[in-house]
PDB file of N, CA and C in Angstrom:
ATOM      1  N   UNK A   1      46.282  53.589  61.693  1.00  0.00           N
ATOM      2  CA  UNK A   1      47.345  52.628  61.480  1.00  0.00           C
ATOM      3  C   UNK A   1      47.269  52.016  60.086  1.00  0.00           C
ATOM      4  N   UNK A   2      46.056  51.876  59.569  1.00  0.00           N
ATOM      5  CA  UNK A   2      45.877  51.324  58.223  1.00  0.00           C
ATOM      6  C   UNK A   2      46.549  52.215  57.178  1.00  0.00           C
ATOM      7  N   UNK A   3      46.500  53.523  57.392  1.00  0.00           N
ATOM      8  CA  UNK A   3      47.125  54.460  56.456  1.00  0.00           C
ATOM      9  C   UNK A   3      48.634  54.226  56.402  1.00  0.00           C
ATOM     10  N   UNK A   4      49.262  54.039  57.539  1.00  0.00           N
ATOM     11  CA  UNK A   4      50.705  53.789  57.571  1.00  0.00           C
ATOM     12  C   UNK A   4      51.055  52.466  56.895  1.00  0.00           C
ATOM     13  N   UNK A   5      50.220  51.473  57.091  1.00  0.00           N
ATOM     14  CA  UNK A   5      50.446  50.170  56.457  1.00  0.00           C
ATOM     15  C   UNK A   5      50.370  50.293  54.934  1.00  0.00           C
ATOM     16  N   UNK A   6      49.357  50.983  54.444  1.00  0.00           N
ATOM     17  CA  UNK A   6      49.196  51.182  53.002  1.00  0.00           C
ATOM     18  C   UNK A   6      50.359  51.990  52.448  1.00  0.00           C
ATOM     19  N   UNK A   7      50.740  53.060  53.133  1.00  0.00           N
ATOM     20  CA  UNK A   7      51.847  53.894  52.676  1.00  0.00           C
ATOM     21  C   UNK A   7      53.153  53.095  52.648  1.00  0.00           C
ATOM     22  N   UNK A   8      53.407  52.324  53.691  1.00  0.00           N
ATOM     23  CA  UNK A   8      54.610  51.490  53.731  1.00  0.00           C
ATOM     24  C   UNK A   8      54.648  50.477  52.603  1.00  0.00           C
ATOM     25  N   UNK A   9      53.506  49.894  52.318  1.00  0.00           N
ATOM     26  CA  UNK A   9      53.420  48.942  51.211  1.00  0.00           C
ATOM     27  C   UNK A   9      53.687  49.637  49.885  1.00  0.00           C
ATOM     28  N   UNK A  10      53.179  50.852  49.730  1.00  0.00           N
ATOM     29  CA  UNK A  10      53.459  51.630  48.522  1.00  0.00           C
ATOM     30  C   UNK A  10      54.958  51.928  48.398  1.00  0.00           C
ATOM     31  N   UNK A  11      55.610  52.274  49.500  1.00  0.00           N
ATOM     32  CA  UNK A  11      57.045  52.570  49.462  1.00  0.00           C
ATOM     33  C   UNK A  11      57.832  51.324  49.049  1.00  0.00           C
ATOM     34  N   UNK A  12      57.524  50.177  49.651  1.00  0.00           N
ATOM     35  CA  UNK A  12      58.196  48.928  49.269  1.00  0.00           C
ATOM     36  C   UNK A  12      57.969  48.612  47.791  1.00  0.00           C
ATOM     37  N   UNK A  13      56.753  48.824  47.338  1.00  0.00           N
ATOM     38  CA  UNK A  13      56.411  48.575  45.939  1.00  0.00           C
ATOM     39  C   UNK A  13      57.226  49.484  45.028  1.00  0.00           C
ATOM     40  N   UNK A  14      57.356  50.744  45.394  1.00  0.00           N
ATOM     41  CA  UNK A  14      58.117  51.699  44.586  1.00  0.00           C
ATOM     42  C   UNK A  14      59.592  51.313  44.520  1.00  0.00           C
ATOM     43  N   UNK A  15      60.161  50.917  45.646  1.00  0.00           N
ATOM     44  CA  UNK A  15      61.566  50.516  45.653  1.00  0.00           C
ATOM     45  C   UNK A  15      61.775  49.300  44.754  1.00  0.00           C
ATOM     46  N   UNK A  16      60.868  48.336  44.822  1.00  0.00           N
ATOM     47  CA  UNK A  16      60.987  47.153  43.965  1.00  0.00           C
ATOM     48  C   UNK A  16      60.917  47.529  42.489  1.00  0.00           C
ATOM     49  N   UNK A  17      60.031  48.454  42.137  1.00  0.00           N
ATOM     50  CA  UNK A  17      59.927  48.881  40.741  1.00  0.00           C
ATOM     51  C   UNK A  17      61.173  49.646  40.302  1.00  0.00           C
ATOM     52  N   UNK A  18      61.645  50.546  41.136  1.00  0.00           N
ATOM     53  CA  UNK A  18      62.810  51.338  40.776  1.00  0.00           C
ATOM     54  C   UNK A  18      64.045  50.451  40.613  1.00  0.00           C
ATOM     55  N   UNK A  19      64.257  49.531  41.534  1.00  0.00           N
ATOM     56  CA  UNK A  19      65.397  48.614  41.404  1.00  0.00           C
ATOM     57  C   UNK A  19      65.260  47.786  40.132  1.00  0.00           C
ATOM     58  N   UNK A  20      64.045  47.313  39.854  1.00  0.00           N
ATOM     59  CA  UNK A  20      63.808  46.504  38.658  1.00  0.00           C
ATOM     60  C   UNK A  20      64.058  47.262  37.365  1.00  0.00           C
ATOM     61  N   UNK A  21      63.947  48.564  37.391  1.00  0.00           N
ATOM     62  CA  UNK A  21      64.224  49.385  36.207  1.00  0.00           C
ATOM     63  C   UNK A  21      65.640  49.952  36.202  1.00  0.00           C
ATOM     64  N   UNK A  22      66.188  50.192  37.376  1.00  0.00           N
ATOM     65  CA  UNK A  22      67.521  50.780  37.469  1.00  0.00           C
ATOM     66  C   UNK A  22      68.611  49.793  37.053  1.00  0.00           C
ATOM     67  N   UNK A  23      68.463  48.531  37.399  1.00  0.00           N
ATOM     68  CA  UNK A  23      69.487  47.546  37.054  1.00  0.00           C
ATOM     69  C   UNK A  23      69.637  47.363  35.541  1.00  0.00           C
ATOM     70  N   UNK A  24      68.547  47.244  34.770  1.00  0.00           N
ATOM     71  CA  UNK A  24      68.733  47.212  33.307  1.00  0.00           C
ATOM     72  C   UNK A  24      69.329  48.509  32.765  1.00  0.00           C
ATOM     73  N   UNK A  25      68.998  49.634  33.382  1.00  0.00           N
ATOM     74  CA  UNK A  25      69.605  50.906  32.988  1.00  0.00           C
ATOM     75  C   UNK A  25      71.130  50.825  33.136  1.00  0.00           C
ATOM     76  N   UNK A  26      71.592  50.272  34.261  1.00  0.00           N
ATOM     77  CA  UNK A  26      73.034  50.138  34.458  1.00  0.00           C
ATOM     78  C   UNK A  26      73.660  49.271  33.376  1.00  0.00           C
ATOM     79  N   UNK A  27      72.982  48.213  32.991  1.00  0.00           N
ATOM     80  CA  UNK A  27      73.481  47.329  31.938  1.00  0.00           C
ATOM     81  C   UNK A  27      73.482  48.033  30.576  1.00  0.00           C
ATOM     82  N   UNK A  28      72.370  48.681  30.240  1.00  0.00           N
ATOM     83  CA  UNK A  28      72.229  49.299  28.922  1.00  0.00           C
ATOM     84  C   UNK A  28      73.053  50.574  28.754  1.00  0.00           C
ATOM     85  N   UNK A  29      73.088  51.407  29.764  1.00  0.00           N
ATOM     86  CA  UNK A  29      73.689  52.733  29.617  1.00  0.00           C
ATOM     87  C   UNK A  29      75.091  52.851  30.204  1.00  0.00           C
ATOM     88  N   UNK A  30      75.428  51.952  31.136  1.00  0.00           N
ATOM     89  CA  UNK A  30      76.731  52.081  31.780  1.00  0.00           C
ATOM     90  C   UNK A  30      77.617  50.863  31.570  1.00  0.00           C
ATOM     91  N   UNK A  31      77.167  49.948  30.720  1.00  0.00           N
ATOM     92  CA  UNK A  31      77.991  48.800  30.366  1.00  0.00           C
ATOM     93  C   UNK A  31      78.229  47.802  31.475  1.00  0.00           C
ATOM     94  N   UNK A  32      77.348  47.758  32.446  1.00  0.00           N
ATOM     95  CA  UNK A  32      77.491  46.789  33.537  1.00  0.00           C
ATOM     96  C   UNK A  32      77.099  45.398  33.061  1.00  0.00           C
ATOM     97  N   UNK A  33      77.269  44.422  33.913  1.00  0.00           N
ATOM     98  CA  UNK A  33      77.047  43.015  33.572  1.00  0.00           C
ATOM     99  C   UNK A  33      75.592  42.734  33.186  1.00  0.00           C
ATOM    100  N   UNK A  34      75.435  41.877  32.193  1.00  0.00           N
ATOM    101  CA  UNK A  34      74.090  41.452  31.786  1.00  0.00           C
ATOM    102  C   UNK A  34      73.401  40.656  32.895  1.00  0.00           C
ATOM    103  N   UNK A  35      74.195  40.140  33.819  1.00  0.00           N
ATOM    104  CA  UNK A  35      73.624  39.379  34.935  1.00  0.00           C
ATOM    105  C   UNK A  35      72.749  40.248  35.838  1.00  0.00           C
ATOM    106  N   UNK A  36      72.856  41.549  35.703  1.00  0.00           N
ATOM    107  CA  UNK A  36      71.973  42.436  36.466  1.00  0.00           C
ATOM    108  C   UNK A  36      70.508  42.260  36.069  1.00  0.00           C
ATOM    109  N   UNK A  37      70.285  41.691  34.885  1.00  0.00           N
ATOM    110  CA  UNK A  37      68.904  41.485  34.441  1.00  0.00           C
ATOM    111  C   UNK A  37      68.173  40.449  35.298  1.00  0.00           C
ATOM    112  N   UNK A  38      68.903  39.505  35.873  1.00  0.00           N
ATOM    113  CA  UNK A  38      68.254  38.498  36.722  1.00  0.00           C
ATOM    114  C   UNK A  38      67.657  39.118  37.991  1.00  0.00           C
ATOM    115  N   UNK A  39      68.439  39.844  38.806  1.00  0.00           N
ATOM    116  CA  UNK A  39      67.792  40.483  39.961  1.00  0.00           C
ATOM    117  C   UNK A  39      66.768  41.539  39.546  1.00  0.00           C
ATOM    118  N   UNK A  40      66.958  42.158  38.387  1.00  0.00           N
ATOM    119  CA  UNK A  40      65.970  43.133  37.904  1.00  0.00           C
ATOM    120  C   UNK A  40      64.632  42.447  37.669  1.00  0.00           C
ATOM    121  N   UNK A  41      64.662  41.298  37.016  1.00  0.00           N
ATOM    122  CA  UNK A  41      63.418  40.564  36.755  1.00  0.00           C
ATOM    123  C   UNK A  41      62.767  40.121  38.065  1.00  0.00           C
ATOM    124  N   UNK A  42      63.550  39.676  39.005  1.00  0.00           N
ATOM    125  CA  UNK A  42      63.001  39.269  40.305  1.00  0.00           C
ATOM    126  C   UNK A  42      62.391  40.475  41.029  1.00  0.00           C
ATOM    127  N   UNK A  43      63.046  41.606  40.928  1.00  0.00           N
ATOM    128  CA  UNK A  43      62.532  42.810  41.573  1.00  0.00           C
ATOM    129  C   UNK A  43      61.207  43.251  40.945  1.00  0.00           C
ATOM    130  N   UNK A  44      61.103  43.155  39.624  1.00  0.00           N
ATOM    131  CA  UNK A  44      59.847  43.523  38.962  1.00  0.00           C
ATOM    132  C   UNK A  44      58.736  42.529  39.281  1.00  0.00           C
ATOM    133  N   UNK A  45      59.083  41.252  39.442  1.00  0.00           N
ATOM    134  CA  UNK A  45      58.080  40.274  39.866  1.00  0.00           C
ATOM    135  C   UNK A  45      57.604  40.600  41.287  1.00  0.00           C
ATOM    136  N   UNK A  46      58.528  40.975  42.156  1.00  0.00           N
ATOM    137  CA  UNK A  46      58.164  41.395  43.512  1.00  0.00           C
ATOM    138  C   UNK A  46      57.259  42.618  43.469  1.00  0.00           C
ATOM    139  N   UNK A  47      57.575  43.563  42.602  1.00  0.00           N
ATOM    140  CA  UNK A  47      56.753  44.753  42.411  1.00  0.00           C
ATOM    141  C   UNK A  47      55.310  44.378  42.074  1.00  0.00           C
ATOM    142  N   UNK A  48      55.131  43.493  41.105  1.00  0.00           N
ATOM    143  CA  UNK A  48      53.779  43.084  40.701  1.00  0.00           C
ATOM    144  C   UNK A  48      53.060  42.384  41.852  1.00  0.00           C
ATOM    145  N   UNK A  49      53.756  41.549  42.569  1.00  0.00           N
ATOM    146  CA  UNK A  49      53.142  40.843  43.697  1.00  0.00           C
ATOM    147  C   UNK A  49      52.737  41.824  44.800  1.00  0.00           C
ATOM    148  N   UNK A  50      53.606  42.787  45.104  1.00  0.00           N
ATOM    149  CA  UNK A  50      53.280  43.767  46.135  1.00  0.00           C
ATOM    150  C   UNK A  50      52.038  44.576  45.764  1.00  0.00           C
ATOM    151  N   UNK A  51      51.899  44.918  44.484  1.00  0.00           N
ATOM    152  CA  UNK A  51      50.692  45.647  44.064  1.00  0.00           C
ATOM    153  C   UNK A  51      49.430  44.823  44.306  1.00  0.00           C
ATOM    154  N   UNK A  52      49.554  43.510  44.206  1.00  0.00           N
ATOM    155  CA  UNK A  52      48.380  42.646  44.388  1.00  0.00           C
ATOM    156  C   UNK A  52      47.935  42.549  45.843  1.00  0.00           C
ATOM    157  N   UNK A  53      48.739  43.019  46.775  1.00  0.00           N
ATOM    158  CA  UNK A  53      48.403  42.916  48.200  1.00  0.00           C
ATOM    159  C   UNK A  53      47.439  43.995  48.676  1.00  0.00           C
ATOM    160  N   UNK A  54      47.203  45.004  47.867  1.00  0.00           N
ATOM    161  CA  UNK A  54      46.318  46.092  48.275  1.00  0.00           C
ATOM    162  C   UNK A  54      44.859  45.669  48.163  1.00  0.00           C
ATOM    163  N   UNK A  55      44.050  46.049  49.152  1.00  0.00           N
ATOM    164  CA  UNK A  55      42.644  45.636  49.150  1.00  0.00           C
ATOM    165  C   UNK A  55      41.758  46.448  48.208  1.00  0.00           C
ATOM    166  N   UNK A  56      42.230  47.581  47.705  1.00  0.00           N
ATOM    167  CA  UNK A  56      41.429  48.438  46.831  1.00  0.00           C
ATOM    168  C   UNK A  56      41.375  47.868  45.416  1.00  0.00           C
ATOM    169  N   UNK A  57      40.489  48.426  44.607  1.00  0.00           N
ATOM    170  CA  UNK A  57      40.417  48.064  43.192  1.00  0.00           C
ATOM    171  C   UNK A  57      41.746  48.390  42.522  1.00  0.00           C
ATOM    172  N   UNK A  58      42.176  47.550  41.595  1.00  0.00           N
ATOM    173  CA  UNK A  58      43.503  47.668  40.998  1.00  0.00           C
ATOM    174  C   UNK A  58      43.754  49.049  40.384  1.00  0.00           C
ATOM    175  N   UNK A  59      42.816  49.578  39.615  1.00  0.00           N
ATOM    176  CA  UNK A  59      43.015  50.875  38.983  1.00  0.00           C
ATOM    177  C   UNK A  59      43.218  51.982  39.990  1.00  0.00           C
ATOM    178  N   UNK A  60      42.484  51.945  41.072  1.00  0.00           N
ATOM    179  CA  UNK A  60      42.617  52.956  42.118  1.00  0.00           C
ATOM    180  C   UNK A  60      43.979  52.819  42.802  1.00  0.00           C
ATOM    181  N   UNK A  61      44.407  51.591  43.031  1.00  0.00           N
ATOM    182  CA  UNK A  61      45.710  51.354  43.642  1.00  0.00           C
ATOM    183  C   UNK A  61      46.817  51.898  42.750  1.00  0.00           C
ATOM    184  N   UNK A  62      46.754  51.624  41.453  1.00  0.00           N
ATOM    185  CA  UNK A  62      47.794  52.094  40.535  1.00  0.00           C
ATOM    186  C   UNK A  62      47.835  53.619  40.510  1.00  0.00           C
ATOM    187  N   UNK A  63      46.682  54.247  40.498  1.00  0.00           N
ATOM    188  CA  UNK A  63      46.620  55.707  40.463  1.00  0.00           C
ATOM    189  C   UNK A  63      47.213  56.299  41.746  1.00  0.00           C
ATOM    190  N   UNK A  64      46.848  55.750  42.881  1.00  0.00           N
ATOM    191  CA  UNK A  64      47.351  56.260  44.151  1.00  0.00           C
ATOM    192  C   UNK A  64      48.837  55.945  44.319  1.00  0.00           C
ATOM    193  N   UNK A  65      49.255  54.792  43.860  1.00  0.00           N
ATOM    194  CA  UNK A  65      50.649  54.389  43.968  1.00  0.00           C
ATOM    195  C   UNK A  65      51.574  55.376  43.254  1.00  0.00           C
ATOM    196  N   UNK A  66      51.103  55.955  42.174  1.00  0.00           N
ATOM    197  CA  UNK A  66      51.925  56.880  41.407  1.00  0.00           C
ATOM    198  C   UNK A  66      52.466  58.031  42.239  1.00  0.00           C
ATOM    199  N   UNK A  67      51.668  58.546  43.152  1.00  0.00           N
ATOM    200  CA  UNK A  67      52.115  59.643  44.001  1.00  0.00           C
ATOM    201  C   UNK A  67      53.281  59.248  44.894  1.00  0.00           C
ATOM    202  N   UNK A  68      53.200  58.070  45.474  1.00  0.00           N
ATOM    203  CA  UNK A  68      54.279  57.587  46.330  1.00  0.00           C
ATOM    204  C   UNK A  68      55.515  57.283  45.489  1.00  0.00           C
ATOM    205  N   UNK A  69      55.306  56.699  44.317  1.00  0.00           N
ATOM    206  CA  UNK A  69      56.425  56.366  43.432  1.00  0.00           C
ATOM    207  C   UNK A  69      57.253  57.617  43.114  1.00  0.00           C
ATOM    208  N   UNK A  70      56.597  58.718  42.835  1.00  0.00           N
ATOM    209  CA  UNK A  70      57.304  59.952  42.490  1.00  0.00           C
ATOM    210  C   UNK A  70      58.190  60.396  43.653  1.00  0.00           C
ATOM    211  N   UNK A  71      57.674  60.345  44.858  1.00  0.00           N
ATOM    212  CA  UNK A  71      58.476  60.713  46.024  1.00  0.00           C
ATOM    213  C   UNK A  71      59.665  59.787  46.235  1.00  0.00           C
ATOM    214  N   UNK A  72      59.435  58.486  46.121  1.00  0.00           N
ATOM    215  CA  UNK A  72      60.528  57.528  46.295  1.00  0.00           C
ATOM    216  C   UNK A  72      61.565  57.701  45.182  1.00  0.00           C
ATOM    217  N   UNK A  73      61.117  58.002  43.965  1.00  0.00           N
ATOM    218  CA  UNK A  73      62.054  58.209  42.859  1.00  0.00           C
ATOM    219  C   UNK A  73      62.963  59.404  43.125  1.00  0.00           C
ATOM    220  N   UNK A  74      62.432  60.470  43.710  1.00  0.00           N
ATOM    221  CA  UNK A  74      63.273  61.623  44.035  1.00  0.00           C
ATOM    222  C   UNK A  74      64.260  61.300  45.154  1.00  0.00           C
ATOM    223  N   UNK A  75      63.833  60.515  46.114  1.00  0.00           N
ATOM    224  CA  UNK A  75      64.756  60.084  47.175  1.00  0.00           C
ATOM    225  C   UNK A  75      65.850  59.204  46.574  1.00  0.00           C
ATOM    226  N   UNK A  76      65.481  58.332  45.639  1.00  0.00           N
ATOM    227  CA  UNK A  76      66.456  57.495  44.936  1.00  0.00           C
ATOM    228  C   UNK A  76      67.452  58.390  44.178  1.00  0.00           C
ATOM    229  N   UNK A  77      66.946  59.406  43.496  1.00  0.00           N
ATOM    230  CA  UNK A  77      67.797  60.340  42.759  1.00  0.00           C
ATOM    231  C   UNK A  77      68.862  60.937  43.678  1.00  0.00           C
ATOM    232  N   UNK A  78      68.433  61.297  44.864  1.00  0.00           N
ATOM    233  CA  UNK A  78      69.323  61.913  45.832  1.00  0.00           C
ATOM    234  C   UNK A  78      70.302  60.891  46.414  1.00  0.00           C
ATOM    235  N   UNK A  79      69.780  59.748  46.862  1.00  0.00           N
ATOM    236  CA  UNK A  79      70.595  58.756  47.565  1.00  0.00           C
ATOM    237  C   UNK A  79      71.525  57.971  46.641  1.00  0.00           C
ATOM    238  N   UNK A  80      71.068  57.627  45.457  1.00  0.00           N
ATOM    239  CA  UNK A  80      71.842  56.754  44.572  1.00  0.00           C
ATOM    240  C   UNK A  80      72.609  57.551  43.518  1.00  0.00           C
ATOM    241  N   UNK A  81      71.952  58.533  42.914  1.00  0.00           N
ATOM    242  CA  UNK A  81      72.588  59.306  41.847  1.00  0.00           C
ATOM    243  C   UNK A  81      73.267  60.580  42.354  1.00  0.00           C
ATOM    244  N   UNK A  82      73.138  60.855  43.646  1.00  0.00           N
ATOM    245  CA  UNK A  82      73.758  62.035  44.279  1.00  0.00           C
ATOM    246  C   UNK A  82      73.334  63.351  43.640  1.00  0.00           C
ATOM    247  N   UNK A  83      72.074  63.413  43.209  1.00  0.00           N
ATOM    248  CA  UNK A  83      71.515  64.651  42.665  1.00  0.00           C
ATOM    249  C   UNK A  83      70.436  65.125  43.639  1.00  0.00           C
ATOM    250  N   UNK A  84      70.682  66.274  44.240  1.00  0.00           N
ATOM    251  CA  UNK A  84      69.750  66.794  45.242  1.00  0.00           C
ATOM    252  C   UNK A  84      68.510  67.366  44.555  1.00  0.00           C
ATOM    253  N   UNK A  85      67.315  66.882  44.938  1.00  0.00           N
ATOM    254  CA  UNK A  85      66.085  67.440  44.366  1.00  0.00           C
ATOM    255  C   UNK A  85      65.910  68.914  44.750  1.00  0.00           C
ATOM    256  N   UNK A  86      65.241  69.656  43.895  1.00  0.00           N
ATOM    257  CA  UNK A  86      64.998  71.079  44.123  1.00  0.00           C
ATOM    258  C   UNK A  86      63.738  71.280  44.963  1.00  0.00           C
ATOM    259  N   UNK A  87      63.535  72.515  45.376  1.00  0.00           N
ATOM    260  CA  UNK A  87      62.318  72.847  46.113  1.00  0.00           C
ATOM    261  C   UNK A  87      61.080  72.524  45.271  1.00  0.00           C
ATOM    262  N   UNK A  88      61.131  72.843  43.993  1.00  0.00           N
ATOM    263  CA  UNK A  88      59.960  72.562  43.149  1.00  0.00           C
ATOM    264  C   UNK A  88      59.743  71.061  42.979  1.00  0.00           C
ATOM    265  N   UNK A  89      60.811  70.266  43.027  1.00  0.00           N
ATOM    266  CA  UNK A  89      60.644  68.806  43.022  1.00  0.00           C
ATOM    267  C   UNK A  89      59.819  68.379  44.233  1.00  0.00           C
ATOM    268  N   UNK A  90      60.182  68.900  45.408  1.00  0.00           N
ATOM    269  CA  UNK A  90      59.477  68.512  46.638  1.00  0.00           C
ATOM    270  C   UNK A  90      58.036  69.038  46.660  1.00  0.00           C
ATOM    271  N   UNK A  91      57.821  70.231  46.132  1.00  0.00           N
ATOM    272  CA  UNK A  91      56.450  70.745  46.037  1.00  0.00           C
ATOM    273  C   UNK A  91      55.630  69.833  45.122  1.00  0.00           C
ATOM    274  N   UNK A  92      56.215  69.409  44.019  1.00  0.00           N
ATOM    275  CA  UNK A  92      55.530  68.479  43.119  1.00  0.00           C
ATOM    276  C   UNK A  92      55.183  67.170  43.805  1.00  0.00           C
ATOM    277  N   UNK A  93      56.096  66.658  44.615  1.00  0.00           N
ATOM    278  CA  UNK A  93      55.823  65.428  45.375  1.00  0.00           C
ATOM    279  C   UNK A  93      54.660  65.653  46.332  1.00  0.00           C
ATOM    280  N   UNK A  94      54.658  66.788  47.016  1.00  0.00           N
ATOM    281  CA  UNK A  94      53.575  67.082  47.958  1.00  0.00           C
ATOM    282  C   UNK A  94      52.227  67.120  47.239  1.00  0.00           C
ATOM    283  N   UNK A  95      52.191  67.731  46.070  1.00  0.00           N
ATOM    284  CA  UNK A  95      50.947  67.784  45.292  1.00  0.00           C
ATOM    285  C   UNK A  95      50.523  66.369  44.896  1.00  0.00           C
ATOM    286  N   UNK A  96      51.481  65.564  44.459  1.00  0.00           N
ATOM    287  CA  UNK A  96      51.164  64.192  44.061  1.00  0.00           C
ATOM    288  C   UNK A  96      50.659  63.364  45.247  1.00  0.00           C
ATOM    289  N   UNK A  97      51.290  63.533  46.411  1.00  0.00           N
ATOM    290  CA  UNK A  97      50.848  62.796  47.597  1.00  0.00           C
ATOM    291  C   UNK A  97      49.459  63.238  48.046  1.00  0.00           C
ATOM    292  N   UNK A  98      49.163  64.512  47.910  1.00  0.00           N
ATOM    293  CA  UNK A  98      47.815  64.988  48.214  1.00  0.00           C
ATOM    294  C   UNK A  98      46.815  64.342  47.265  1.00  0.00           C
ATOM    295  N   UNK A  99      47.145  64.305  45.987  1.00  0.00           N
ATOM    296  CA  UNK A  99      46.277  63.639  45.017  1.00  0.00           C
ATOM    297  C   UNK A  99      46.112  62.163  45.332  1.00  0.00           C
ATOM    298  N   UNK A 100      47.203  61.511  45.725  1.00  0.00           N
ATOM    299  CA  UNK A 100      47.134  60.102  46.101  1.00  0.00           C
ATOM    300  C   UNK A 100      46.190  59.897  47.283  1.00  0.00           C
ATOM    301  N   UNK A 101      46.300  60.757  48.272  1.00  0.00           N
ATOM    302  CA  UNK A 101      45.437  60.626  49.455  1.00  0.00           C
ATOM    303  C   UNK A 101      43.969  60.821  49.093  1.00  0.00           C
ATOM    304  N   UNK A 102      43.691  61.765  48.221  1.00  0.00           N
ATOM    305  CA  UNK A 102      42.307  61.993  47.786  1.00  0.00           C
ATOM    306  C   UNK A 102      41.768  60.760  47.072  1.00  0.00           C
ATOM    307  N   UNK A 103      42.554  60.197  46.173  1.00  0.00           N
ATOM    308  CA  UNK A 103      42.124  59.007  45.429  1.00  0.00           C
ATOM    309  C   UNK A 103      41.919  57.823  46.365  1.00  0.00           C
ATOM    310  N   UNK A 104      42.890  57.581  47.237  1.00  0.00           N
ATOM    311  CA  UNK A 104      42.863  56.368  48.025  1.00  0.00           C
ATOM    312  C   UNK A 104      41.905  56.434  49.209  1.00  0.00           C
ATOM    313  N   UNK A 105      41.811  57.583  49.852  1.00  0.00           N
ATOM    314  CA  UNK A 105      41.053  57.652  51.108  1.00  0.00           C
ATOM    315  C   UNK A 105      39.767  58.479  50.994  1.00  0.00           C
ATOM    316  N   UNK A 106      39.443  58.957  49.809  1.00  0.00           N
ATOM    317  CA  UNK A 106      38.219  59.729  49.635  1.00  0.00           C
ATOM    318  C   UNK A 106      36.986  58.871  49.843  1.00  0.00           C
ATOM    319  N   UNK A 107      35.843  59.512  50.112  1.00  0.00           N
ATOM    320  CA  UNK A 107      34.602  58.763  50.343  1.00  0.00           C
ATOM    321  C   UNK A 107      34.177  58.024  49.072  1.00  0.00           C
ATOM    322  N   UNK A 108      33.521  56.923  49.253  1.00  0.00           N
ATOM    323  CA  UNK A 108      33.055  56.073  48.158  1.00  0.00           C
ATOM    324  C   UNK A 108      31.531  55.968  48.234  1.00  0.00           C
ATOM    325  N   UNK A 109      30.926  55.897  47.057  1.00  0.00           N
ATOM    326  CA  UNK A 109      29.491  55.620  47.049  1.00  0.00           C
ATOM    327  C   UNK A 109      29.295  54.123  47.245  1.00  0.00           C
ATOM    328  N   UNK A 110      28.074  53.699  47.461  1.00  0.00           N
ATOM    329  CA  UNK A 110      27.788  52.287  47.736  1.00  0.00           C
ATOM    330  C   UNK A 110      28.199  51.383  46.572  1.00  0.00           C
ATOM    331  N   UNK A 111      28.226  51.895  45.342  1.00  0.00           N
ATOM    332  CA  UNK A 111      28.529  51.053  44.185  1.00  0.00           C
ATOM    333  C   UNK A 111      29.980  50.996  43.806  1.00  0.00           C
ATOM    334  N   UNK A 112      30.878  51.678  44.533  1.00  0.00           N
ATOM    335  CA  UNK A 112      32.282  51.681  44.091  1.00  0.00           C
ATOM    336  C   UNK A 112      33.191  50.934  45.020  1.00  0.00           C
TER     337      UNK A 112
END
């Protein structure tokens, strides 16, 4: 159950980061309202706070989080930008998630 909790927290963290970056993109590249920067800043603050909730060492959390972020980014690409990811995109996500699992759940020595 702990694995699902950690994974869910990573997914929420990824969504907060993506929203925090996507809204300024809309302002800068698509001429949307500058007011989008306010929810973007709040979303990025939420992102930082969510990262702080993980019990692991910060560097390990950031490294493992990257794998989940890549998967959520591809889902965002599909759901928001209407661009369907390719088979190689999904294979890449699987490799990243495997790497994330090794980093996050691998055995630790007494000093780490």
